[in-house]
């Protein structure tokens, strides 16, 4: 009967040991060994899942950082290009290019500073949102771990033989 319905994920070796037991009192150490193996396997699986999730989160964070670095470099190049274009466009039109260049440079600079502030605010909001998502994910993982632990304890309680009482 034990061999036909192996729903406990018990190894064949353990099933054979169970079948060979003549005295019921000899079952307890075997069952304890089986339960310990199952708990160890569950812990290893949980640890592997956690490591995979951490690696995935690190990879996502690295990708996001690389994207931010690339965006910042592109924005800096765009700023420099806009300054050059502005300087080229106004230089031939005015006799007193120095004053207008300073004024235009200041206006362009002020506009860029404003854009930088807005980019920084957007980045702060993005970081805040990412942090909240990570917190929710950690809470979800903790709940899953607790659910697995509860399920394992319930399974152990159901499969553990109950001592018989004398009447």
N, C-alpha and C. Protein backbone atom coordinates (compact mmCIF):
# COMPACT_ATOMS: atom_id res chain seq x y z
N UNK A 1 0.83 -1.19 0.00
CA UNK A 1 0.00 0.00 0.00
C UNK A 1 0.88 1.25 0.00
N UNK A 2 1.96 1.25 0.73
CA UNK A 2 2.85 2.41 0.81
C UNK A 2 3.44 2.71 -0.56
N UNK A 3 3.74 1.67 -1.32
CA UNK A 3 4.40 1.86 -2.61
C UNK A 3 3.44 2.37 -3.67
N UNK A 4 2.15 2.08 -3.54
CA UNK A 4 1.18 2.47 -4.55
C UNK A 4 0.86 3.96 -4.48
N UNK A 5 0.82 4.52 -3.33
CA UNK A 5 0.39 5.91 -3.16
C UNK A 5 1.49 6.68 -2.43
N UNK A 6 2.48 7.12 -3.15
CA UNK A 6 3.59 7.86 -2.53
C UNK A 6 3.35 9.36 -2.71
N UNK A 7 2.44 9.91 -1.91
CA UNK A 7 2.12 11.33 -2.02
C UNK A 7 2.98 12.17 -1.08
N UNK A 8 3.84 11.53 -0.32
CA UNK A 8 4.65 12.28 0.64
C UNK A 8 6.02 12.63 0.10
N UNK A 9 6.32 12.30 -1.16
CA UNK A 9 7.63 12.55 -1.76
C UNK A 9 8.75 11.88 -0.96
N UNK A 10 8.47 10.72 -0.43
CA UNK A 10 9.44 9.98 0.35
C UNK A 10 10.28 9.14 -0.60
N UNK A 11 11.56 9.02 -0.31
CA UNK A 11 12.44 8.26 -1.19
C UNK A 11 12.11 6.78 -1.12
N UNK A 12 12.51 6.08 -2.14
CA UNK A 12 12.26 4.64 -2.21
C UNK A 12 12.96 3.92 -1.06
N UNK A 13 14.15 4.38 -0.71
CA UNK A 13 14.90 3.77 0.40
C UNK A 13 14.10 3.87 1.70
N UNK A 14 13.56 5.04 1.95
CA UNK A 14 12.77 5.23 3.17
C UNK A 14 11.49 4.39 3.15
N UNK A 15 10.88 4.28 1.97
CA UNK A 15 9.67 3.46 1.88
C UNK A 15 9.98 1.99 2.17
N UNK A 16 11.11 1.53 1.68
CA UNK A 16 11.52 0.14 1.95
C UNK A 16 11.79 -0.03 3.44
N UNK A 17 12.46 0.94 4.06
CA UNK A 17 12.71 0.87 5.51
C UNK A 17 11.39 0.81 6.27
N UNK A 18 10.41 1.60 5.81
CA UNK A 18 9.10 1.58 6.47
C UNK A 18 8.41 0.22 6.32
N UNK A 19 8.55 -0.37 5.14
CA UNK A 19 7.90 -1.65 4.89
C UNK A 19 8.53 -2.77 5.70
N UNK A 20 9.81 -2.67 6.00
CA UNK A 20 10.52 -3.72 6.73
C UNK A 20 10.29 -3.66 8.25
N UNK A 21 9.73 -2.59 8.74
CA UNK A 21 9.56 -2.43 10.19
C UNK A 21 8.52 -3.44 10.69
N UNK A 22 8.92 -4.15 11.73
CA UNK A 22 8.02 -5.15 12.31
C UNK A 22 7.26 -4.59 13.52
N UNK A 23 7.90 -3.70 14.23
CA UNK A 23 7.30 -3.17 15.45
C UNK A 23 6.96 -1.70 15.20
N UNK A 24 5.78 -1.30 15.62
CA UNK A 24 5.34 0.07 15.39
C UNK A 24 6.23 1.10 16.09
N UNK A 25 6.83 0.73 17.19
CA UNK A 25 7.69 1.69 17.90
C UNK A 25 8.95 2.01 17.11
N UNK A 26 9.33 1.13 16.17
CA UNK A 26 10.49 1.38 15.32
C UNK A 26 10.17 2.36 14.20
N UNK A 27 8.91 2.69 14.03
CA UNK A 27 8.50 3.63 12.97
C UNK A 27 8.89 5.07 13.30
N UNK A 28 8.85 5.44 14.57
CA UNK A 28 9.09 6.83 14.94
C UNK A 28 10.44 7.37 14.47
N UNK A 29 11.55 6.69 14.67
CA UNK A 29 12.83 7.24 14.17
C UNK A 29 12.85 7.36 12.65
N UNK A 30 12.25 6.41 11.97
CA UNK A 30 12.25 6.45 10.50
C UNK A 30 11.41 7.63 10.03
N UNK A 31 10.25 7.79 10.63
CA UNK A 31 9.38 8.91 10.26
C UNK A 31 10.05 10.23 10.59
N UNK A 32 10.72 10.31 11.72
CA UNK A 32 11.45 11.54 12.08
C UNK A 32 12.52 11.86 11.05
N UNK A 33 13.23 10.85 10.61
CA UNK A 33 14.27 11.04 9.57
C UNK A 33 13.64 11.54 8.28
N UNK A 34 12.53 10.95 7.90
CA UNK A 34 11.84 11.36 6.67
C UNK A 34 11.38 12.81 6.79
N UNK A 35 10.81 13.17 7.93
CA UNK A 35 10.34 14.54 8.14
C UNK A 35 11.50 15.53 8.10
N UNK A 36 12.62 15.15 8.70
CA UNK A 36 13.80 16.03 8.67
C UNK A 36 14.27 16.24 7.24
N UNK A 37 14.30 15.19 6.46
CA UNK A 37 14.72 15.30 5.05
C UNK A 37 13.78 16.24 4.30
N UNK A 38 12.49 16.10 4.53
CA UNK A 38 11.52 16.94 3.85
C UNK A 38 11.68 18.40 4.25
N UNK A 39 11.91 18.64 5.54
CA UNK A 39 12.11 20.01 6.01
C UNK A 39 13.38 20.61 5.39
N UNK A 40 14.44 19.82 5.33
CA UNK A 40 15.69 20.31 4.74
C UNK A 40 15.49 20.64 3.26
N UNK A 41 14.77 19.78 2.57
CA UNK A 41 14.51 20.04 1.16
C UNK A 41 13.69 21.31 0.98
N UNK A 42 12.70 21.51 1.83
CA UNK A 42 11.86 22.71 1.74
C UNK A 42 12.69 23.95 2.02
N UNK A 43 13.57 23.88 3.02
CA UNK A 43 14.43 25.02 3.35
C UNK A 43 15.39 25.32 2.21
N UNK A 44 15.95 24.28 1.61
CA UNK A 44 16.88 24.50 0.50
C UNK A 44 16.15 25.12 -0.69
N UNK A 45 14.97 24.65 -0.96
CA UNK A 45 14.20 25.20 -2.07
C UNK A 45 13.86 26.67 -1.80
N UNK A 46 13.47 26.97 -0.57
CA UNK A 46 13.13 28.34 -0.20
C UNK A 46 14.36 29.24 -0.33
N UNK A 47 15.50 28.75 0.12
CA UNK A 47 16.74 29.53 0.04
C UNK A 47 17.12 29.78 -1.42
N UNK A 48 16.98 28.77 -2.26
CA UNK A 48 17.29 28.93 -3.67
C UNK A 48 16.37 29.96 -4.32
N UNK A 49 15.10 29.90 -3.99
CA UNK A 49 14.14 30.86 -4.54
C UNK A 49 14.51 32.28 -4.09
N UNK A 50 14.87 32.41 -2.84
CA UNK A 50 15.24 33.73 -2.30
C UNK A 50 16.49 34.26 -3.00
N UNK A 51 17.48 33.40 -3.20
CA UNK A 51 18.71 33.82 -3.88
C UNK A 51 18.42 34.22 -5.32
N UNK A 52 17.54 33.49 -5.97
CA UNK A 52 17.19 33.84 -7.35
C UNK A 52 16.48 35.19 -7.40
N UNK A 53 15.59 35.44 -6.46
CA UNK A 53 14.88 36.71 -6.44
C UNK A 53 15.84 37.86 -6.15
N UNK A 54 16.78 37.63 -5.24
CA UNK A 54 17.76 38.67 -4.93
C UNK A 54 18.63 38.96 -6.15
N UNK A 55 19.04 37.92 -6.84
CA UNK A 55 19.87 38.11 -8.04
C UNK A 55 19.09 38.86 -9.11
N UNK A 56 17.81 38.53 -9.24
CA UNK A 56 16.98 39.22 -10.24
C UNK A 56 16.79 40.69 -9.86
N UNK A 57 16.58 40.97 -8.59
CA UNK A 57 16.43 42.35 -8.15
C UNK A 57 17.72 43.14 -8.37
N UNK A 58 18.87 42.51 -8.10
CA UNK A 58 20.15 43.19 -8.31
C UNK A 58 20.35 43.47 -9.79
N UNK A 59 20.01 42.49 -10.61
CA UNK A 59 20.15 42.68 -12.06
C UNK A 59 19.26 43.84 -12.54
N UNK A 60 18.03 43.89 -12.05
CA UNK A 60 17.12 44.97 -12.44
C UNK A 60 17.65 46.32 -11.96
N UNK A 61 18.19 46.36 -10.76
CA UNK A 61 18.75 47.61 -10.23
C UNK A 61 19.96 48.04 -11.05
N UNK A 62 20.81 47.08 -11.44
CA UNK A 62 21.98 47.40 -12.26
C UNK A 62 21.55 47.94 -13.62
N UNK A 63 20.53 47.32 -14.21
CA UNK A 63 20.04 47.80 -15.49
C UNK A 63 19.46 49.21 -15.38
N UNK A 64 18.73 49.45 -14.31
CA UNK A 64 18.15 50.78 -14.11
C UNK A 64 19.25 51.82 -13.92
N UNK A 65 20.30 51.46 -13.18
CA UNK A 65 21.41 52.40 -12.96
C UNK A 65 22.13 52.68 -14.27
N UNK A 66 22.34 51.65 -15.07
CA UNK A 66 23.00 51.84 -16.36
C UNK A 66 22.15 52.74 -17.26
N UNK A 67 20.85 52.55 -17.22
CA UNK A 67 19.95 53.39 -18.02
C UNK A 67 20.01 54.84 -17.55
N UNK A 68 20.02 55.04 -16.23
CA UNK A 68 20.10 56.42 -15.69
C UNK A 68 21.42 57.07 -16.09
N UNK A 69 22.52 56.31 -16.00
CA UNK A 69 23.82 56.85 -16.39
C UNK A 69 23.83 57.24 -17.86
N UNK A 70 23.27 56.39 -18.69
CA UNK A 70 23.20 56.68 -20.12
C UNK A 70 22.34 57.91 -20.39
N UNK A 71 21.19 58.00 -19.71
CA UNK A 71 20.31 59.16 -19.88
C UNK A 71 21.01 60.44 -19.47
N UNK A 72 21.72 60.39 -18.34
CA UNK A 72 22.42 61.58 -17.86
C UNK A 72 23.51 62.02 -18.84
N UNK A 73 24.24 61.07 -19.39
CA UNK A 73 25.28 61.40 -20.37
C UNK A 73 24.65 62.01 -21.62
N UNK A 74 23.54 61.46 -22.05
CA UNK A 74 22.85 61.99 -23.23
C UNK A 74 22.32 63.40 -22.96
N UNK A 75 21.77 63.62 -21.79
CA UNK A 75 21.26 64.96 -21.44
C UNK A 75 22.40 65.98 -21.41
N UNK A 76 23.54 65.58 -20.87
CA UNK A 76 24.68 66.50 -20.83
C UNK A 76 25.15 66.85 -22.24
N UNK A 77 25.20 65.86 -23.11
CA UNK A 77 25.59 66.11 -24.50
C UNK A 77 24.56 67.02 -25.19
N UNK A 78 23.28 66.81 -24.92
CA UNK A 78 22.24 67.67 -25.49
C UNK A 78 22.37 69.11 -25.00
N UNK A 79 22.66 69.26 -23.70
CA UNK A 79 22.85 70.62 -23.14
C UNK A 79 23.99 71.34 -23.84
N UNK A 80 25.11 70.64 -23.97
CA UNK A 80 26.27 71.26 -24.62
C UNK A 80 25.96 71.61 -26.06
N UNK A 81 25.23 70.76 -26.73
CA UNK A 81 24.85 71.02 -28.12
C UNK A 81 23.93 72.24 -28.21
N UNK A 82 22.96 72.33 -27.32
CA UNK A 82 22.04 73.48 -27.33
C UNK A 82 22.78 74.78 -27.07
N UNK A 83 23.74 74.77 -26.18
CA UNK A 83 24.52 75.98 -25.91
C UNK A 83 25.30 76.39 -27.15
N UNK A 84 25.91 75.43 -27.81
CA UNK A 84 26.67 75.73 -29.02
C UNK A 84 25.76 76.29 -30.11
N UNK A 85 24.60 75.69 -30.31
CA UNK A 85 23.66 76.16 -31.32
C UNK A 85 23.21 77.58 -31.00
N UNK A 86 22.88 77.82 -29.74
CA UNK A 86 22.44 79.16 -29.34
C UNK A 86 23.54 80.19 -29.59
N UNK A 87 24.77 79.85 -29.27
CA UNK A 87 25.88 80.77 -29.48
C UNK A 87 26.10 81.05 -30.96
N UNK A 88 25.99 80.03 -31.77
CA UNK A 88 26.20 80.21 -33.22
C UNK A 88 25.10 81.06 -33.83
N UNK A 89 23.86 80.85 -33.38
CA UNK A 89 22.74 81.57 -33.98
C UNK A 89 22.73 83.06 -33.62
N UNK A 90 23.14 83.42 -32.44
CA UNK A 90 23.04 84.83 -32.06
C UNK A 90 24.30 85.62 -32.38
N UNK A 91 25.43 84.99 -32.56
CA UNK A 91 26.68 85.71 -32.76
C UNK A 91 26.67 86.63 -33.98
N UNK A 92 26.25 86.20 -35.16
CA UNK A 92 26.34 87.10 -36.32
C UNK A 92 25.26 88.19 -36.36
N UNK A 93 24.22 88.09 -35.59
CA UNK A 93 23.10 89.01 -35.69
C UNK A 93 23.30 90.30 -34.91
N UNK A 94 24.16 90.30 -33.93
CA UNK A 94 24.27 91.47 -33.06
C UNK A 94 25.72 91.93 -33.02
N UNK A 95 25.89 93.25 -33.05
CA UNK A 95 27.24 93.80 -33.03
C UNK A 95 27.90 93.58 -31.68
N UNK A 96 27.15 93.71 -30.65
CA UNK A 96 27.71 93.53 -29.31
C UNK A 96 27.41 92.11 -28.84
N UNK A 97 28.05 91.16 -29.46
CA UNK A 97 27.78 89.75 -29.22
C UNK A 97 28.15 89.33 -27.81
N UNK A 98 29.13 89.96 -27.21
CA UNK A 98 29.57 89.59 -25.87
C UNK A 98 28.47 89.71 -24.84
N UNK A 99 27.75 90.86 -24.86
CA UNK A 99 26.68 91.07 -23.87
C UNK A 99 25.51 90.10 -24.11
N UNK A 100 25.15 89.98 -25.37
CA UNK A 100 24.02 89.09 -25.68
C UNK A 100 24.40 87.64 -25.41
N UNK A 101 25.64 87.30 -25.70
CA UNK A 101 26.09 85.94 -25.43
C UNK A 101 26.01 85.64 -23.94
N UNK A 102 26.43 86.60 -23.13
CA UNK A 102 26.34 86.40 -21.68
C UNK A 102 24.89 86.26 -21.24
N UNK A 103 24.02 87.14 -21.80
CA UNK A 103 22.61 87.08 -21.43
C UNK A 103 21.99 85.77 -21.91
N UNK A 104 22.28 85.43 -23.15
CA UNK A 104 21.74 84.19 -23.71
C UNK A 104 22.29 82.99 -22.95
N UNK A 105 23.58 83.03 -22.67
CA UNK A 105 24.18 81.94 -21.91
C UNK A 105 23.53 81.78 -20.55
N UNK A 106 23.25 82.92 -19.92
CA UNK A 106 22.59 82.88 -18.61
C UNK A 106 21.18 82.32 -18.75
N UNK A 107 20.45 82.76 -19.78
CA UNK A 107 19.09 82.25 -19.99
C UNK A 107 19.11 80.74 -20.28
N UNK A 108 20.03 80.34 -21.14
CA UNK A 108 20.15 78.92 -21.44
C UNK A 108 20.53 78.15 -20.18
N UNK A 109 21.47 78.71 -19.43
CA UNK A 109 21.89 78.07 -18.18
C UNK A 109 20.73 77.95 -17.21
N UNK A 110 19.97 79.04 -17.07
CA UNK A 110 18.81 79.01 -16.17
C UNK A 110 17.79 77.95 -16.62
N UNK A 111 17.57 77.87 -17.93
CA UNK A 111 16.65 76.86 -18.46
C UNK A 111 17.15 75.45 -18.18
N UNK A 112 18.45 75.26 -18.34
CA UNK A 112 19.03 73.94 -18.08
C UNK A 112 18.97 73.58 -16.60
N UNK A 113 19.21 74.55 -15.75
CA UNK A 113 19.11 74.32 -14.31
C UNK A 113 17.68 73.92 -13.95
N UNK A 114 16.72 74.62 -14.55
CA UNK A 114 15.32 74.28 -14.29
C UNK A 114 15.03 72.85 -14.76
N UNK A 115 15.51 72.51 -15.96
CA UNK A 115 15.31 71.15 -16.48
C UNK A 115 15.97 70.11 -15.57
N UNK A 116 17.16 70.43 -15.08
CA UNK A 116 17.85 69.50 -14.17
C UNK A 116 17.05 69.29 -12.89
N UNK A 117 16.48 70.38 -12.37
CA UNK A 117 15.67 70.25 -11.15
C UNK A 117 14.45 69.38 -11.40
N UNK A 118 13.83 69.58 -12.54
CA UNK A 118 12.65 68.78 -12.87
C UNK A 118 13.03 67.30 -13.06
N UNK A 119 14.17 67.06 -13.71
CA UNK A 119 14.65 65.69 -13.87
C UNK A 119 14.94 65.05 -12.52
N UNK A 120 15.53 65.82 -11.63
CA UNK A 120 15.83 65.31 -10.30
C UNK A 120 14.55 64.95 -9.55
N UNK A 121 13.53 65.79 -9.66
CA UNK A 121 12.25 65.51 -9.00
C UNK A 121 11.61 64.24 -9.57
N UNK A 122 11.67 64.11 -10.90
CA UNK A 122 11.11 62.90 -11.52
C UNK A 122 11.88 61.66 -11.06
N UNK A 123 13.20 61.80 -10.95
CA UNK A 123 14.02 60.68 -10.51
C UNK A 123 13.69 60.30 -9.06
N UNK A 124 13.50 61.32 -8.23
CA UNK A 124 13.14 61.05 -6.82
C UNK A 124 11.82 60.29 -6.75
N UNK A 125 10.84 60.72 -7.54
CA UNK A 125 9.54 60.05 -7.53
C UNK A 125 9.68 58.61 -8.04
N UNK A 126 10.49 58.44 -9.07
CA UNK A 126 10.72 57.10 -9.62
C UNK A 126 11.38 56.21 -8.58
N UNK A 127 12.39 56.72 -7.90
CA UNK A 127 13.07 55.95 -6.86
C UNK A 127 12.12 55.60 -5.72
N UNK A 128 11.27 56.55 -5.36
CA UNK A 128 10.31 56.32 -4.27
C UNK A 128 9.33 55.21 -4.68
N UNK A 129 8.86 55.26 -5.91
CA UNK A 129 7.94 54.24 -6.40
C UNK A 129 8.62 52.88 -6.43
N UNK A 130 9.87 52.83 -6.92
CA UNK A 130 10.61 51.56 -6.95
C UNK A 130 10.81 51.00 -5.55
N UNK A 131 11.12 51.85 -4.60
CA UNK A 131 11.32 51.40 -3.22
C UNK A 131 10.03 50.83 -2.65
N UNK A 132 8.90 51.49 -2.93
CA UNK A 132 7.62 50.99 -2.44
C UNK A 132 7.29 49.64 -3.06
N UNK A 133 7.60 49.48 -4.36
CA UNK A 133 7.36 48.21 -5.02
C UNK A 133 8.23 47.11 -4.42
N UNK A 134 9.48 47.44 -4.12
CA UNK A 134 10.36 46.45 -3.52
C UNK A 134 9.87 46.06 -2.12
N UNK A 135 9.38 47.04 -1.35
CA UNK A 135 8.85 46.74 -0.03
C UNK A 135 7.65 45.80 -0.14
N UNK A 136 6.77 46.07 -1.09
CA UNK A 136 5.60 45.20 -1.28
C UNK A 136 6.03 43.80 -1.69
N UNK A 137 7.06 43.71 -2.53
CA UNK A 137 7.54 42.41 -2.96
C UNK A 137 8.13 41.63 -1.79
N UNK A 138 8.87 42.30 -0.92
CA UNK A 138 9.45 41.65 0.26
C UNK A 138 8.34 41.16 1.18
N UNK A 139 7.28 41.98 1.36
CA UNK A 139 6.16 41.56 2.19
C UNK A 139 5.47 40.34 1.59
N UNK A 140 5.33 40.35 0.28
CA UNK A 140 4.71 39.22 -0.40
C UNK A 140 5.54 37.96 -0.22
N UNK A 141 6.85 38.09 -0.34
CA UNK A 141 7.74 36.94 -0.16
C UNK A 141 7.64 36.41 1.27
N UNK A 142 7.60 37.31 2.24
CA UNK A 142 7.50 36.89 3.63
C UNK A 142 6.19 36.13 3.86
N UNK A 143 5.11 36.60 3.25
CA UNK A 143 3.82 35.92 3.39
C UNK A 143 3.87 34.54 2.74
N UNK A 144 4.54 34.43 1.59
CA UNK A 144 4.66 33.14 0.92
C UNK A 144 5.46 32.16 1.78
N UNK A 145 6.53 32.64 2.39
CA UNK A 145 7.34 31.79 3.26
C UNK A 145 6.50 31.32 4.43
N UNK A 146 5.74 32.22 5.02
CA UNK A 146 4.89 31.86 6.16
C UNK A 146 3.83 30.84 5.73
N UNK A 147 3.25 31.03 4.55
CA UNK A 147 2.25 30.10 4.04
C UNK A 147 2.87 28.71 3.83
N UNK A 148 4.08 28.67 3.28
CA UNK A 148 4.75 27.38 3.06
C UNK A 148 5.04 26.71 4.41
N UNK A 149 5.52 27.49 5.37
CA UNK A 149 5.83 26.93 6.68
C UNK A 149 4.57 26.36 7.32
N UNK A 150 3.47 27.09 7.23
CA UNK A 150 2.21 26.64 7.80
C UNK A 150 1.75 25.35 7.10
N UNK A 151 1.87 25.32 5.78
CA UNK A 151 1.48 24.14 5.02
C UNK A 151 2.34 22.93 5.41
N UNK A 152 3.64 23.16 5.58
CA UNK A 152 4.54 22.08 5.96
C UNK A 152 4.19 21.56 7.36
N UNK A 153 3.92 22.47 8.28
CA UNK A 153 3.58 22.06 9.64
C UNK A 153 2.24 21.29 9.64
N UNK A 154 1.29 21.74 8.84
CA UNK A 154 0.01 21.05 8.73
C UNK A 154 0.21 19.65 8.15
N UNK A 155 1.05 19.58 7.13
CA UNK A 155 1.34 18.28 6.50
C UNK A 155 1.99 17.33 7.49
N UNK A 156 2.94 17.84 8.25
CA UNK A 156 3.63 17.01 9.24
C UNK A 156 2.64 16.53 10.30
N UNK A 157 1.76 17.43 10.74
CA UNK A 157 0.79 17.07 11.76
C UNK A 157 -0.18 16.00 11.24
N UNK A 158 -0.52 16.09 9.96
CA UNK A 158 -1.46 15.13 9.40
C UNK A 158 -0.81 13.76 9.18
N UNK A 159 0.47 13.76 8.81
CA UNK A 159 1.13 12.51 8.48
C UNK A 159 1.75 11.82 9.69
N UNK A 160 1.94 12.52 10.78
CA UNK A 160 2.56 11.94 11.97
C UNK A 160 1.55 11.00 12.64
N UNK A 161 1.95 9.78 12.90
CA UNK A 161 1.02 8.83 13.52
C UNK A 161 0.66 9.28 14.95
N UNK A 162 -0.60 9.15 15.28
CA UNK A 162 -1.10 9.53 16.60
C UNK A 162 -0.94 8.33 17.55
N UNK A 163 -0.44 8.57 18.76
CA UNK A 163 -0.31 7.44 19.72
C UNK A 163 -1.70 6.92 20.11
N UNK A 164 -1.78 5.62 20.23
CA UNK A 164 -3.05 5.00 20.59
C UNK A 164 -3.20 5.03 22.11
N UNK A 165 -4.40 5.35 22.55
CA UNK A 165 -4.68 5.41 24.00
C UNK A 165 -5.34 4.11 24.42
N UNK A 166 -5.07 3.72 25.66
CA UNK A 166 -5.69 2.50 26.20
C UNK A 166 -7.06 2.82 26.72
N UNK A 167 -7.98 1.91 26.53
CA UNK A 167 -9.36 2.12 26.99
C UNK A 167 -9.62 1.41 28.28
